[in-house]
Amino acid sequence: MMGATGTLYVSNDAVYLSYQKYQPYYYGQSYSKDRFFKSIMFLLPDAVQTQIKAIDSSNLDESQKWAQISDLLQNTYNKMSESDKNALFDKIQRAVTEYDVNVQQDYRKTIIQKFAINNGTVSYVAKGEVSGYLLNQYSMDAFEKRFRVATTSEYFTSKGATTTNNVYVLDESLNIVGSLEKVAPEESIYSARFMGEKLYLVTYQRIDPFFVIDLSTDTPKVLGALKIPGYSSYLHPYDDTHIIGIGKETKQNQYGGLQPLGVKVALFDVSDVANPVTVDSYTIGGPGTDSEILNDPKALLFDKEKNILSIPVFQQYYGGPIPLEGGMVENSSGATTSGEGGTPAKIMPPRPIPPNNWRGFYVFGVDPVKGFSLKGTVEHYNGTSYDYSYGNSRSFYIDDSLYTVTSGFMKINDLSNIKIELNTIKLEGTGQIIKYLD
């Protein structure tokens, strides 16, 4: 079981292992035949169906059977009028699409295995399954006598991929007792957070719908939704009525697609569940800006009492103003301006501009009414070459000091005034950050 496990969730009294359902080894061999006999054959004339059944029950081998059936179908099709051919073709397309979706619904499922924990004794309890796949461990939650799951279902047809999202409520034996399906069609779950009788869900395709879902009964229902540009990859509770979202800002590019921009932190007010609102949002950098929190929430430091939100940030961008002597700046094309009104001073030959990398931490205060206030930044790297040590950033505090750690440095700053650096410790290149267990 552990070899196949994709996502794991642990409560105080149980361990839940989840993994994708596997197709049997014979799935590909029998699929075409099953699809023909279960979805297509019954659309043919009765006389043709009788002949097909006779061929299928004969002593011929499979290749001979299919050769005869193909000839029969070809002859039948050639004798039909053009209008009958088109009508039959449309029926077959619809039937095949429906069959393919139903088969994918059966095999594109998540299996959940439950183990009870009781004073050090582990025992197997139950197995359940839900449609779709999980995003991460935040897509599962145990609350009272229920286990809740949020999934994205993805199906493929001749017209392309179709996605929908689902919320399932399971009992202690992992039987489905309630569900909410087909939430935000053509979107995918980007983040989920269960908080008691509520689920906060973010889906994304072209815009960020932030959903508030009621789980007070076994029948989940959408209470309210908020649509804003960009998306949140991680949701973190601030209090009972406020949620912090961390993700990316986006904009539409010249080709009609969406271009990810900087890292965005947003504060949502969900006190009115039917009408969630954005209290404030703050965007860091532009294209090329990233944060480990988007893939590893353990990189986040948030403490409401200390009023601190620390986010590791990595910025890589090409071009931009490069300082020159005499107060001038050079733009990405190689031309220079005086810096006063942008008056051209002289034209220089274009030269390759290396990427400018910045790595460090953005430190915010959070107020439920006013939103975010930038307390300061802690710089760990600033150069014009690639920083291959990106990853494993962490921040924490001891008393009134903020500690920020990357693969290259540990820095200590004053919590009350982030601009005051108390100490810097350079980490040796032979060392490494040891990750603790999830």
Protein backbone atom coordinates (compact mmCIF):
# COMPACT_ATOMS: atom_id res chain seq x y z
CA MET A 1 0.00 0.00 0.00
CA MET A 2 2.75 2.45 0.87
CA GLY A 3 4.38 1.92 -2.51
CA ALA A 4 1.29 3.14 -4.29
CA THR A 5 0.32 5.89 -1.85
CA GLY A 6 0.15 9.34 -3.39
CA THR A 7 -1.30 11.41 -0.55
CA LEU A 8 -1.48 10.67 3.16
CA TYR A 9 -3.68 12.20 5.86
CA VAL A 10 -3.38 11.53 9.60
CA SER A 11 -5.91 12.45 12.27
CA ASN A 12 -5.64 11.82 16.01
CA ASP A 13 -7.12 8.35 15.68
CA ALA A 14 -6.64 7.22 12.08
CA VAL A 15 -4.30 7.14 9.10
CA TYR A 16 -5.73 7.55 5.59
CA LEU A 17 -3.69 6.39 2.60
CA SER A 18 -4.84 7.39 -0.87
CA TYR A 19 -3.75 6.45 -4.37
CA GLN A 20 -5.09 6.39 -7.92
CA LYS A 21 -7.10 3.38 -9.02
CA TYR A 22 -5.23 1.19 -11.47
CA GLN A 23 -6.62 -0.27 -14.67
CA PRO A 24 -6.44 -4.08 -14.92
CA TYR A 25 -3.78 -5.54 -17.21
CA TYR A 26 -6.43 -6.72 -19.71
CA TYR A 27 -8.07 -3.28 -19.93
CA GLY A 28 -6.54 -2.31 -23.28
CA GLN A 29 -7.16 -5.73 -24.83
CA SER A 30 -10.88 -5.82 -24.12
CA TYR A 31 -11.74 -2.13 -24.35
CA SER A 32 -12.49 -1.90 -28.08
CA LYS A 33 -14.61 -5.05 -28.06
CA ASP A 34 -16.55 -4.00 -24.95
CA ARG A 35 -17.17 -0.55 -26.37
CA PHE A 36 -18.56 -2.00 -29.62
CA PHE A 37 -20.88 -4.53 -27.99
CA LYS A 38 -22.06 -2.24 -25.17
CA SER A 39 -22.50 1.06 -26.99
CA ILE A 40 -22.57 0.61 -30.78
CA MET A 41 -24.16 -2.72 -31.67
CA PHE A 42 -27.61 -1.82 -30.30
CA LEU A 43 -27.80 1.15 -32.68
CA LEU A 44 -27.68 -1.15 -35.72
CA PRO A 45 -30.70 -2.76 -37.46
CA ASP A 46 -32.10 -5.83 -35.68
CA ALA A 47 -31.14 -8.16 -38.52
CA VAL A 48 -27.53 -6.96 -38.38
CA GLN A 49 -27.43 -7.42 -34.60
CA THR A 50 -28.60 -11.02 -35.01
CA GLN A 51 -25.85 -11.74 -37.53
CA ILE A 52 -23.19 -10.15 -35.28
CA LYS A 53 -24.27 -12.26 -32.31
CA ALA A 54 -24.07 -15.41 -34.45
CA ILE A 55 -20.55 -14.52 -35.56
CA ASP A 56 -19.46 -13.75 -32.00
CA SER A 57 -20.76 -17.11 -30.70
CA SER A 58 -19.06 -19.12 -33.47
CA ASN A 59 -15.85 -21.15 -33.13
CA LEU A 60 -13.79 -18.69 -35.14
CA ASP A 61 -10.79 -17.04 -33.51
CA GLU A 62 -11.02 -13.38 -32.54
CA SER A 63 -9.31 -11.99 -35.64
CA GLN A 64 -11.62 -13.98 -37.93
CA LYS A 65 -14.70 -12.84 -35.98
CA TRP A 66 -13.73 -9.18 -36.28
CA ALA A 67 -12.95 -9.55 -39.98
CA GLN A 68 -16.44 -10.93 -40.64
CA ILE A 69 -18.11 -8.32 -38.44
CA SER A 70 -16.19 -5.54 -40.24
CA ASP A 71 -17.30 -6.83 -43.64
CA LEU A 72 -20.90 -7.01 -42.43
CA LEU A 73 -20.79 -3.47 -41.10
CA GLN A 74 -19.22 -2.14 -44.28
CA ASN A 75 -21.86 -3.76 -46.48
CA THR A 76 -24.67 -2.50 -44.23
CA TYR A 77 -23.27 1.03 -44.24
CA ASN A 78 -22.85 1.10 -48.04
CA LYS A 79 -26.49 0.17 -48.59
CA MET A 80 -27.80 3.03 -46.41
CA SER A 81 -28.96 6.38 -47.74
CA GLU A 82 -26.80 9.42 -47.08
CA SER A 83 -29.22 10.80 -44.48
CA ASP A 84 -29.39 7.43 -42.68
CA LYS A 85 -25.59 7.21 -42.70
CA ASN A 86 -25.26 10.65 -41.09
CA ALA A 87 -27.94 9.91 -38.51
CA LEU A 88 -26.28 6.61 -37.56
CA PHE A 89 -22.86 8.23 -37.39
CA ASP A 90 -24.14 10.94 -35.01
CA LYS A 91 -25.76 8.30 -32.77
CA ILE A 92 -22.55 6.27 -32.69
CA GLN A 93 -20.44 9.32 -31.79
CA ARG A 94 -22.73 10.23 -28.90
CA ALA A 95 -22.87 6.64 -27.66
CA VAL A 96 -19.10 6.18 -27.83
CA THR A 97 -18.48 9.47 -26.01
CA GLU A 98 -20.91 8.50 -23.25
CA TYR A 99 -19.34 5.05 -22.94
CA ASP A 100 -15.80 6.46 -22.79
CA VAL A 101 -16.80 8.94 -20.06
CA ASN A 102 -18.50 6.22 -18.01
CA VAL A 103 -15.45 3.96 -18.25
CA GLN A 104 -13.13 6.79 -17.25
CA GLN A 105 -15.40 7.61 -14.31
CA ASP A 106 -14.93 4.05 -13.12
CA TYR A 107 -11.15 3.94 -13.50
CA ARG A 108 -10.21 7.55 -12.78
CA LYS A 109 -10.90 7.24 -9.08
CA THR A 110 -9.01 7.72 -5.84
CA ILE A 111 -8.79 4.77 -3.47
CA ILE A 112 -8.68 5.56 0.27
CA GLN A 113 -7.50 3.01 2.84
CA LYS A 114 -8.21 3.70 6.53
CA PHE A 115 -6.19 2.43 9.48
CA ALA A 116 -7.19 3.03 13.09
CA ILE A 117 -4.64 4.15 15.70
CA ASN A 118 -5.39 3.13 19.28
CA ASN A 119 -2.71 3.45 21.99
CA GLY A 120 0.02 2.44 19.59
CA THR A 121 -1.97 -0.35 17.95
CA VAL A 122 -2.64 -0.01 14.25
CA SER A 123 -5.53 -1.92 12.68
CA TYR A 124 -7.11 -1.93 9.23
CA VAL A 125 -10.61 -0.43 9.13
CA ALA A 126 -12.02 0.11 5.64
CA LYS A 127 -11.53 0.91 1.99
CA GLY A 128 -13.43 3.54 0.00
CA GLU A 129 -13.21 5.26 -3.36
CA VAL A 130 -14.25 8.60 -4.83
CA SER A 131 -14.25 9.97 -8.36
CA GLY A 132 -11.33 12.12 -9.46
CA TYR A 133 -7.87 12.82 -8.11
CA LEU A 134 -6.60 14.70 -5.07
CA LEU A 135 -4.48 17.84 -5.24
CA ASN A 136 -2.64 17.32 -1.94
CA GLN A 137 -3.18 16.47 1.74
CA TYR A 138 -5.28 19.61 2.22
CA SER A 139 -7.88 18.03 -0.05
CA MET A 140 -8.74 15.57 2.74
CA ASP A 141 -10.07 16.15 6.25
CA ALA A 142 -11.50 14.19 9.18
CA PHE A 143 -14.15 16.00 11.24
CA GLU A 144 -16.20 14.37 13.98
CA LYS A 145 -17.49 11.10 12.41
CA ARG A 146 -17.05 12.15 8.81
CA PHE A 147 -14.19 12.12 6.32
CA ARG A 148 -14.38 14.84 3.64
CA VAL A 149 -12.59 14.83 0.27
CA ALA A 150 -12.28 17.37 -2.57
CA THR A 151 -11.29 16.05 -6.01
CA THR A 152 -10.94 17.07 -9.64
CA SER A 153 -12.34 14.72 -12.30
CA GLU A 154 -10.82 14.82 -15.76
CA TYR A 155 -12.25 12.98 -18.77
CA PHE A 156 -11.02 12.79 -22.34
CA THR A 157 -13.20 12.55 -25.43
CA SER A 158 -12.77 13.20 -29.14
CA LYS A 159 -13.55 16.85 -28.40
CA GLY A 160 -10.75 17.18 -25.84
CA ALA A 161 -10.47 17.17 -22.06
CA THR A 162 -13.31 18.00 -19.67
CA THR A 163 -12.75 18.78 -15.98
CA THR A 164 -15.16 19.10 -13.07
CA ASN A 165 -14.69 19.26 -9.31
CA ASN A 166 -16.33 17.31 -6.52
CA VAL A 167 -16.76 17.24 -2.76
CA TYR A 168 -17.56 13.94 -1.04
CA VAL A 169 -18.61 13.14 2.53
CA LEU A 170 -17.76 9.63 3.77
CA ASP A 171 -18.81 7.83 6.95
CA GLU A 172 -16.51 5.94 9.34
CA SER A 173 -16.56 2.92 6.99
CA LEU A 174 -15.63 5.18 4.04
CA ASN A 175 -19.03 4.84 2.37
CA ILE A 176 -20.13 7.95 0.46
CA VAL A 177 -23.06 9.49 2.32
CA GLY A 178 -23.16 12.84 0.54
CA SER A 179 -21.66 14.61 -2.46
CA LEU A 180 -21.48 17.82 -4.43
CA GLU A 181 -20.36 17.18 -8.01
CA LYS A 182 -19.61 19.22 -11.12
CA VAL A 183 -18.44 22.32 -9.27
CA ALA A 184 -16.85 24.89 -11.61
CA PRO A 185 -16.84 22.92 -14.90
CA GLU A 186 -13.68 23.35 -17.02
CA GLU A 187 -11.79 24.48 -13.91
CA SER A 188 -9.36 22.52 -11.70
CA ILE A 189 -8.81 22.66 -7.95
CA TYR A 190 -5.76 24.79 -7.12
CA SER A 191 -6.17 24.85 -3.33
CA ALA A 192 -8.52 23.57 -0.65
CA ARG A 193 -8.88 24.15 3.07
CA PHE A 194 -11.34 22.40 5.37
CA MET A 195 -12.23 24.38 8.50
CA GLY A 196 -14.86 22.70 10.68
CA GLU A 197 -18.20 22.84 8.91
CA LYS A 198 -16.82 24.84 5.97
CA LEU A 199 -14.67 24.10 2.95
CA TYR A 200 -12.82 26.91 1.18
CA LEU A 201 -12.02 25.92 -2.36
CA VAL A 202 -10.13 27.68 -5.15
CA THR A 203 -10.47 26.50 -8.75
CA TYR A 204 -8.74 28.02 -11.74
CA GLN A 205 -8.76 28.07 -15.52
CA ARG A 206 -8.92 31.72 -16.55
CA ILE A 207 -10.05 33.38 -13.32
CA ASP A 208 -9.89 32.47 -9.64
CA PRO A 209 -13.26 31.38 -8.21
CA PHE A 210 -13.04 31.28 -4.42
CA PHE A 211 -15.86 29.05 -3.12
CA VAL A 212 -17.33 28.79 0.37
CA ILE A 213 -18.94 25.35 0.75
CA ASP A 214 -21.19 24.28 3.62
CA LEU A 215 -20.44 20.92 5.25
CA SER A 216 -22.74 21.19 8.27
CA THR A 217 -24.80 18.28 6.87
CA ASP A 218 -24.01 15.26 4.72
CA THR A 219 -25.16 17.23 1.68
CA PRO A 220 -22.47 19.78 0.72
CA LYS A 221 -23.66 22.97 -0.91
CA VAL A 222 -22.07 26.15 -2.24
CA LEU A 223 -22.84 29.10 0.01
CA GLY A 224 -21.04 31.79 -1.94
CA ALA A 225 -18.32 32.47 -4.49
CA LEU A 226 -15.91 35.26 -5.38
CA LYS A 227 -14.22 35.60 -8.77
CA ILE A 228 -10.93 37.47 -8.96
CA PRO A 229 -7.97 37.44 -11.38
CA GLY A 230 -5.13 35.04 -10.65
CA TYR A 231 -5.24 32.04 -8.36
CA SER A 232 -4.33 30.86 -4.88
CA SER A 233 -2.22 27.69 -4.59
CA TYR A 234 -2.38 27.62 -0.79
CA LEU A 235 -5.02 28.73 1.70
CA HIS A 236 -4.20 29.42 5.35
CA PRO A 237 -6.69 30.33 8.09
CA TYR A 238 -6.25 33.72 9.75
CA ASP A 239 -9.28 33.34 12.03
CA ASP A 240 -12.82 31.95 11.80
CA THR A 241 -13.87 34.55 9.25
CA HIS A 242 -10.68 35.37 7.33
CA ILE A 243 -8.55 33.25 4.99
CA ILE A 244 -5.11 34.06 3.57
CA GLY A 245 -4.49 32.95 -0.01
CA ILE A 246 -1.04 32.70 -1.60
CA GLY A 247 -0.65 32.15 -5.32
CA LYS A 248 0.01 34.04 -8.55
CA GLU A 249 -1.40 37.10 -10.24
CA THR A 250 -2.18 36.65 -13.94
CA LYS A 251 -2.98 38.72 -17.02
CA GLN A 252 -4.16 37.96 -20.53
CA ASN A 253 -1.38 37.96 -23.11
CA GLN A 254 -1.51 39.04 -26.75
CA TYR A 255 -2.50 35.53 -27.86
CA GLY A 256 -5.54 35.35 -25.61
CA GLY A 257 -3.89 33.04 -23.09
CA LEU A 258 -3.05 33.78 -19.47
CA GLN A 259 0.42 34.80 -18.35
CA PRO A 260 1.44 34.26 -14.71
CA LEU A 261 2.87 37.37 -13.09
CA GLY A 262 4.16 37.89 -9.56
CA VAL A 263 3.42 36.07 -6.33
CA LYS A 264 0.13 37.31 -4.86
CA VAL A 265 -1.03 37.23 -1.25
CA ALA A 266 -4.72 37.89 -0.67
CA LEU A 267 -6.92 38.21 2.41
CA PHE A 268 -10.51 36.99 2.09
CA ASP A 269 -13.33 37.97 4.45
CA VAL A 270 -15.85 35.11 4.69
CA SER A 271 -17.95 36.46 7.55
CA ASP A 272 -20.82 36.77 5.05
CA VAL A 273 -20.58 33.27 3.57
CA ALA A 274 -22.93 34.14 0.71
CA ASN A 275 -20.75 37.08 -0.34
CA PRO A 276 -17.04 36.51 0.37
CA VAL A 277 -14.92 39.58 -0.36
CA THR A 278 -11.27 40.39 -0.85
CA VAL A 279 -10.03 42.64 1.96
CA ASP A 280 -6.66 43.27 0.36
CA SER A 281 -4.10 41.76 -2.00
CA TYR A 282 -0.39 42.38 -2.52
CA THR A 283 1.60 41.31 -5.59
CA ILE A 284 5.34 40.68 -5.35
CA GLY A 285 7.41 41.11 -8.51
CA GLY A 286 6.39 40.11 -12.01
CA PRO A 287 6.99 37.20 -14.41
CA GLY A 288 9.82 35.04 -13.10
CA THR A 289 8.84 35.55 -9.46
CA ASP A 290 8.14 32.41 -7.44
CA SER A 291 7.73 31.21 -3.87
CA GLU A 292 8.32 27.77 -2.40
CA ILE A 293 5.03 28.10 -0.55
CA LEU A 294 3.21 27.40 -3.82
CA ASN A 295 4.59 23.84 -3.67
CA ASP A 296 5.58 23.44 -0.03
CA PRO A 297 3.37 25.17 2.57
CA LYS A 298 5.94 24.45 5.28
CA ALA A 299 7.94 27.33 3.83
CA LEU A 300 5.33 29.73 5.26
CA LEU A 301 5.69 31.40 8.66
CA PHE A 302 2.49 32.88 10.04
CA ASP A 303 1.82 33.86 13.63
CA LYS A 304 -1.27 35.88 14.42
CA GLU A 305 -0.12 36.87 17.91
CA LYS A 306 3.24 38.15 16.65
CA ASN A 307 1.46 39.62 13.60
CA ILE A 308 3.98 38.19 11.17
CA LEU A 309 3.65 36.59 7.75
CA SER A 310 7.01 35.61 6.23
CA ILE A 311 7.17 34.45 2.62
CA PRO A 312 10.29 33.19 0.81
CA VAL A 313 10.56 34.79 -2.63
CA PHE A 314 12.75 34.07 -5.63
CA GLN A 315 12.84 36.60 -8.46
CA GLN A 316 14.49 36.10 -11.83
CA TYR A 317 14.01 38.57 -14.63
CA TYR A 318 15.77 39.73 -17.77
CA GLY A 319 16.36 43.34 -18.73
CA GLY A 320 15.10 46.08 -16.47
CA PRO A 321 17.02 49.22 -15.61
CA ILE A 322 20.74 48.68 -15.02
CA PRO A 323 22.49 51.52 -13.17
CA LEU A 324 25.22 53.32 -15.10
CA GLU A 325 27.62 56.07 -14.15
CA GLY A 326 26.40 59.66 -14.20
CA GLY A 327 22.89 58.86 -13.04
CA MET A 328 21.94 57.18 -16.32
CA VAL A 329 20.17 53.86 -16.72
CA GLU A 330 20.32 51.45 -19.62
CA ASN A 331 17.11 49.83 -20.81
CA SER A 332 16.76 46.37 -22.32
CA SER A 333 17.41 47.58 -25.88
CA GLY A 334 20.77 49.13 -25.03
CA ALA A 335 19.66 52.80 -25.30
CA THR A 336 20.44 55.15 -22.43
CA THR A 337 18.42 57.98 -20.96
CA SER A 338 19.45 60.76 -18.67
CA GLY A 339 16.98 59.78 -15.97
CA GLU A 340 15.32 63.23 -16.09
CA GLY A 341 12.26 63.11 -18.29
CA GLY A 342 13.70 60.19 -20.22
CA THR A 343 15.66 62.42 -22.65
CA PRO A 344 17.89 60.27 -24.87
CA ALA A 345 21.56 60.87 -24.15
CA LYS A 346 23.34 58.56 -26.55
CA ILE A 347 22.80 55.27 -28.30
CA MET A 348 24.94 52.32 -27.29
CA PRO A 349 25.15 48.97 -29.12
CA PRO A 350 22.79 46.39 -27.61
CA ARG A 351 24.52 43.89 -25.37
CA PRO A 352 23.30 40.65 -23.79
CA ILE A 353 21.66 41.31 -20.47
CA PRO A 354 22.05 38.54 -17.89
CA PRO A 355 19.22 37.46 -15.63
CA ASN A 356 18.94 39.43 -12.40
CA ASN A 357 18.18 37.14 -9.47
CA TRP A 358 16.94 38.10 -6.04
CA ARG A 359 16.29 35.69 -3.23
CA GLY A 360 15.03 36.42 0.23
CA PHE A 361 11.92 36.91 2.32
CA TYR A 362 9.01 39.36 2.30
CA VAL A 363 7.71 39.99 5.81
CA PHE A 364 4.18 41.33 6.30
CA GLY A 365 1.85 42.33 9.06
CA VAL A 366 -1.79 41.26 8.62
CA ASP A 367 -4.83 43.20 9.79
CA PRO A 368 -8.34 41.76 9.20
CA VAL A 369 -9.66 45.24 8.32
CA LYS A 370 -6.73 46.97 6.59
CA GLY A 371 -5.06 43.93 5.03
CA PHE A 372 -1.32 43.60 4.46
CA SER A 373 1.47 45.96 5.50
CA LEU A 374 5.02 45.26 4.34
CA LYS A 375 7.29 45.28 7.37
CA GLY A 376 10.40 44.75 5.29
CA THR A 377 12.43 42.35 3.20
CA VAL A 378 15.38 40.15 4.15
CA GLU A 379 17.80 39.71 1.27
CA HIS A 380 19.76 36.47 0.98
CA TYR A 381 21.02 36.73 -2.58
CA ASN A 382 21.34 39.47 -5.16
CA GLY A 383 23.33 38.83 -8.30
CA THR A 384 23.33 38.54 -12.07
CA SER A 385 23.90 34.80 -12.37
CA TYR A 386 21.74 31.79 -11.75
CA ASP A 387 21.19 30.85 -8.13
CA TYR A 388 21.14 27.07 -8.21
CA SER A 389 20.51 26.81 -4.46
CA TYR A 390 16.81 27.75 -4.81
CA GLY A 391 14.75 25.67 -2.41
CA ASN A 392 14.51 24.64 1.24
CA SER A 393 13.78 28.14 2.55
CA ARG A 394 12.44 28.44 6.08
CA SER A 395 11.75 31.21 8.58
CA PHE A 396 10.93 31.13 12.28
CA TYR A 397 11.19 33.33 15.34
CA ILE A 398 12.75 33.02 18.78
CA ASP A 399 11.57 35.62 21.26
CA ASP A 400 11.71 38.91 19.33
CA SER A 401 14.12 37.81 16.61
CA LEU A 402 13.22 36.60 13.11
CA TYR A 403 15.42 33.85 11.69
CA THR A 404 15.43 33.29 7.92
CA VAL A 405 17.27 30.34 6.42
CA THR A 406 18.25 29.40 2.87
CA SER A 407 20.92 27.05 1.58
CA GLY A 408 23.45 29.88 1.71
CA PHE A 409 22.67 31.95 4.80
CA MET A 410 20.94 32.22 8.11
CA LYS A 411 20.00 35.78 8.96
CA ILE A 412 18.63 37.18 12.18
CA ASN A 413 16.55 40.36 12.16
CA ASP A 414 14.66 42.35 14.74
CA LEU A 415 10.97 41.41 14.66
CA SER A 416 9.88 44.92 15.63
CA ASN A 417 12.01 46.46 12.88
CA ILE A 418 12.86 44.02 10.09
CA LYS A 419 15.37 46.47 8.61
CA ILE A 420 17.64 45.96 11.61
CA GLU A 421 19.93 42.98 10.91
CA LEU A 422 21.26 41.43 14.11
CA ASN A 423 23.48 38.74 12.68
CA THR A 424 24.36 36.76 9.55
CA ILE A 425 25.71 33.23 9.47
CA LYS A 426 27.10 31.88 6.19
CA LEU A 427 26.30 28.20 5.76
CA GLU A 428 29.05 26.02 4.35
CA GLY A 429 28.56 24.59 0.89
CA THR A 430 29.02 21.05 2.20
CA GLY A 431 26.04 21.33 4.52
CA GLN A 432 22.38 20.89 3.73
CA ILE A 433 19.03 21.58 5.31
CA ILE A 434 17.55 18.39 6.78
CA LYS A 435 13.84 18.26 6.13
CA TYR A 436 11.66 16.99 8.96
CA LEU A 437 8.94 14.47 8.26
CA ASP A 438 5.49 15.54 7.06
